[in-house]
Amino acid sequence: MSVDDSICRADFCDGASVLERVLLAIINAHTTNETEGRQQERLDAAMMALIGPATQFGHDLERALQFMARQRQRDVCDVEMRALRSCSVAPIDAVRTILELAHLAAREVMGCTSAADVQETAHVLCDMFRRRGNAACAEPDAVREALEAEAVQRIIGELAEWDNLSIRPN
């Protein structure tokens, strides 16, 4: 499983992925007096053991993808609003392409300055953006969150059936 795996990286609004929520449920079920208050530390250790260390570049890519999704959503809303209120023949601006948004994110979020760096980073961002199908949520989606929470509860329920785990669904 890689960090780019959309199942692993399906973020909830609190920023936690499905994997992180399941691990945290396991950690909470096995917290003792000695480990109380160290859940985040234990979660970080578990995530590192499973998927490797997080890099600053990886965090910046995630921020850039969210920036792209927000900008795209804003563009679509702006175009729709202009179309609604504009009965005139004034031209309506088009939504920026994914490549344009990727170049913007490479410069503004990732801090790329040279043309080669911008081009290379934009290519990576375009690939990730398309592969995720715009999945980097710009705004919270209550339906998606409910489905993801239900998936986590199902996983926890399945794990709870094992005798050696003391996890109970909420």
Protein backbone atom coordinates (compact mmCIF):
# COMPACT_ATOMS: atom_id res chain seq x y z
CA MET A 1 0.00 0.00 0.00
CA SER A 2 1.38 3.36 -0.95
CA VAL A 3 0.62 6.81 0.38
CA ASP A 4 -0.83 7.68 -3.04
CA ASP A 5 -3.37 4.87 -2.76
CA SER A 6 -6.75 6.60 -2.78
CA ILE A 7 -8.18 4.09 -0.31
CA CYS A 8 -5.42 4.87 2.16
CA ARG A 9 -5.60 8.61 1.55
CA ALA A 10 -9.35 9.14 1.61
CA ASP A 11 -9.22 12.05 4.03
CA PHE A 12 -11.96 12.91 6.47
CA CYS A 13 -12.57 16.53 7.29
CA ASP A 14 -10.36 16.24 10.36
CA GLY A 15 -7.53 15.22 8.00
CA ALA A 16 -7.44 11.59 9.17
CA SER A 17 -7.45 8.87 6.54
CA VAL A 18 -9.44 5.65 6.82
CA LEU A 19 -6.22 3.85 7.73
CA GLU A 20 -5.42 6.38 10.45
CA ARG A 21 -8.91 6.09 11.94
CA VAL A 22 -8.74 2.29 12.06
CA LEU A 23 -5.28 2.37 13.61
CA LEU A 24 -6.40 4.95 16.15
CA ALA A 25 -9.38 2.77 17.10
CA ILE A 26 -7.01 -0.14 17.68
CA ILE A 27 -4.63 2.07 19.65
CA ASN A 28 -7.47 3.43 21.80
CA ALA A 29 -8.71 -0.09 22.48
CA HIS A 30 -5.27 -1.05 23.75
CA THR A 31 -4.38 2.01 25.79
CA THR A 32 -3.04 1.41 29.27
CA ASN A 33 -2.16 3.77 32.10
CA GLU A 34 1.42 3.88 30.80
CA THR A 35 0.35 4.75 27.23
CA GLU A 36 -2.53 7.11 28.09
CA GLY A 37 -2.13 10.44 26.30
CA ARG A 38 0.38 9.06 23.80
CA GLN A 39 -2.14 8.04 21.12
CA GLN A 40 -0.78 10.43 18.48
CA GLU A 41 2.78 9.25 19.10
CA ARG A 42 1.66 5.63 18.78
CA LEU A 43 -0.35 6.42 15.64
CA ASP A 44 2.66 8.12 14.06
CA ALA A 45 4.81 5.08 14.85
CA ALA A 46 2.21 2.71 13.38
CA MET A 47 1.85 4.79 10.22
CA MET A 48 5.60 4.95 9.78
CA ALA A 49 5.86 1.19 10.21
CA LEU A 50 3.12 0.59 7.63
CA ILE A 51 3.75 3.18 4.93
CA GLY A 52 7.13 4.70 5.75
CA PRO A 53 8.10 8.16 6.91
CA ALA A 54 6.12 11.13 5.66
CA THR A 55 8.17 13.67 3.76
CA GLN A 56 7.73 17.41 3.64
CA PHE A 57 7.44 17.08 -0.14
CA GLY A 58 4.53 14.66 0.34
CA HIS A 59 2.76 17.08 2.68
CA ASP A 60 3.34 19.92 0.21
CA LEU A 61 1.90 17.79 -2.61
CA GLU A 62 -1.24 17.17 -0.56
CA ARG A 63 -1.60 20.90 0.16
CA ALA A 64 -1.06 21.67 -3.54
CA LEU A 65 -3.74 19.16 -4.58
CA GLN A 66 -6.20 20.68 -2.13
CA PHE A 67 -5.32 24.14 -3.45
CA MET A 68 -5.99 22.93 -7.01
CA ALA A 69 -9.35 21.42 -6.02
CA ARG A 70 -10.42 24.63 -4.24
CA GLN A 71 -9.36 26.79 -7.20
CA ARG A 72 -11.17 24.53 -9.66
CA GLN A 73 -14.31 24.57 -7.53
CA ARG A 74 -14.11 28.37 -7.31
CA ASP A 75 -13.68 28.64 -11.10
CA VAL A 76 -16.71 26.44 -11.75
CA CYS A 77 -18.83 28.43 -9.28
CA ASP A 78 -17.71 31.74 -10.77
CA VAL A 79 -18.55 30.62 -14.31
CA GLU A 80 -21.97 29.35 -13.23
CA MET A 81 -22.75 32.56 -11.34
CA ARG A 82 -21.70 34.74 -14.29
CA ALA A 83 -23.82 32.64 -16.62
CA LEU A 84 -26.86 33.07 -14.35
CA ARG A 85 -26.66 36.81 -14.00
CA SER A 86 -25.28 37.65 -17.41
CA CYS A 87 -27.94 37.81 -20.07
CA SER A 88 -25.69 40.03 -22.12
CA VAL A 89 -23.30 38.94 -24.82
CA ALA A 90 -20.28 39.48 -22.56
CA PRO A 91 -17.91 36.53 -22.81
CA ILE A 92 -17.88 34.16 -19.86
CA ASP A 93 -14.43 33.10 -18.72
CA ALA A 94 -13.65 29.41 -18.95
CA VAL A 95 -12.63 27.20 -16.06
CA ARG A 96 -8.85 26.94 -15.83
CA THR A 97 -7.41 23.63 -16.99
CA ILE A 98 -5.86 21.15 -14.60
CA LEU A 99 -2.47 21.94 -16.12
CA GLU A 100 -2.94 25.68 -15.46
CA LEU A 101 -3.95 24.97 -11.88
CA ALA A 102 -1.00 22.62 -11.45
CA HIS A 103 1.43 25.31 -12.65
CA LEU A 104 -0.16 27.80 -10.26
CA ALA A 105 0.05 25.33 -7.35
CA ALA A 106 3.66 24.48 -8.20
CA ARG A 107 4.61 28.16 -7.92
CA GLU A 108 2.36 29.31 -5.09
CA VAL A 109 2.12 26.25 -2.84
CA MET A 110 5.22 24.22 -3.65
CA GLY A 111 7.47 27.29 -4.01
CA CYS A 112 8.98 26.28 -7.36
CA THR A 113 10.78 29.12 -9.08
CA SER A 114 12.63 27.74 -12.09
CA ALA A 115 10.66 26.86 -15.21
CA ALA A 116 12.00 23.29 -15.14
CA ASP A 117 10.92 22.76 -11.52
CA VAL A 118 7.49 24.25 -12.19
CA GLN A 119 7.05 22.01 -15.25
CA GLU A 120 8.18 18.84 -13.45
CA THR A 121 6.10 19.50 -10.34
CA ALA A 122 3.05 20.47 -12.41
CA HIS A 123 3.31 17.16 -14.29
CA VAL A 124 3.33 15.23 -11.00
CA LEU A 125 0.41 17.27 -9.66
CA CYS A 126 -1.62 16.73 -12.85
CA ASP A 127 -1.09 12.98 -12.68
CA MET A 128 -2.06 12.82 -9.01
CA PHE A 129 -5.08 15.10 -9.50
CA ARG A 130 -6.41 13.04 -12.39
CA ARG A 131 -5.66 9.72 -10.72
CA ARG A 132 -7.64 10.77 -7.67
CA GLY A 133 -10.48 12.06 -9.78
CA ASN A 134 -10.57 15.42 -7.99
CA ALA A 135 -10.74 13.48 -4.72
CA ALA A 136 -8.76 16.08 -2.80
CA CYS A 137 -11.85 17.51 -1.14
CA ALA A 138 -11.99 21.25 -1.19
CA GLU A 139 -15.10 21.43 0.95
CA PRO A 140 -16.54 18.88 3.38
CA ASP A 141 -18.97 16.43 1.80
CA ALA A 142 -21.39 15.09 4.41
CA VAL A 143 -22.43 12.08 2.32
CA ARG A 144 -18.85 11.07 1.61
CA GLU A 145 -17.93 11.52 5.28
CA ALA A 146 -20.87 9.36 6.36
CA LEU A 147 -19.91 6.60 3.94
CA GLU A 148 -16.29 6.72 5.09
CA ALA A 149 -17.31 6.68 8.75
CA GLU A 150 -19.54 3.69 8.01
CA ALA A 151 -16.61 1.93 6.30
CA VAL A 152 -14.43 2.53 9.35
CA GLN A 153 -17.17 1.18 11.63
CA ARG A 154 -17.49 -1.94 9.46
CA ILE A 155 -13.74 -2.55 9.63
CA ILE A 156 -13.75 -2.03 13.38
CA GLY A 157 -16.75 -4.36 13.67
CA GLU A 158 -14.92 -7.04 11.71
CA LEU A 159 -11.83 -6.63 13.87
CA ALA A 160 -13.96 -6.77 17.03
CA GLU A 161 -15.10 -10.26 16.12
CA TRP A 162 -11.57 -11.52 16.69
CA ASP A 163 -11.10 -12.65 20.26
CA ASN A 164 -7.72 -10.98 20.70
CA LEU A 165 -9.00 -7.48 19.90
CA SER A 166 -11.13 -5.52 22.32
CA ILE A 167 -12.41 -3.01 19.77
CA ARG A 168 -16.10 -2.21 19.75
CA PRO A 169 -17.89 -0.14 17.12
CA ASN A 170 -19.38 3.14 18.34
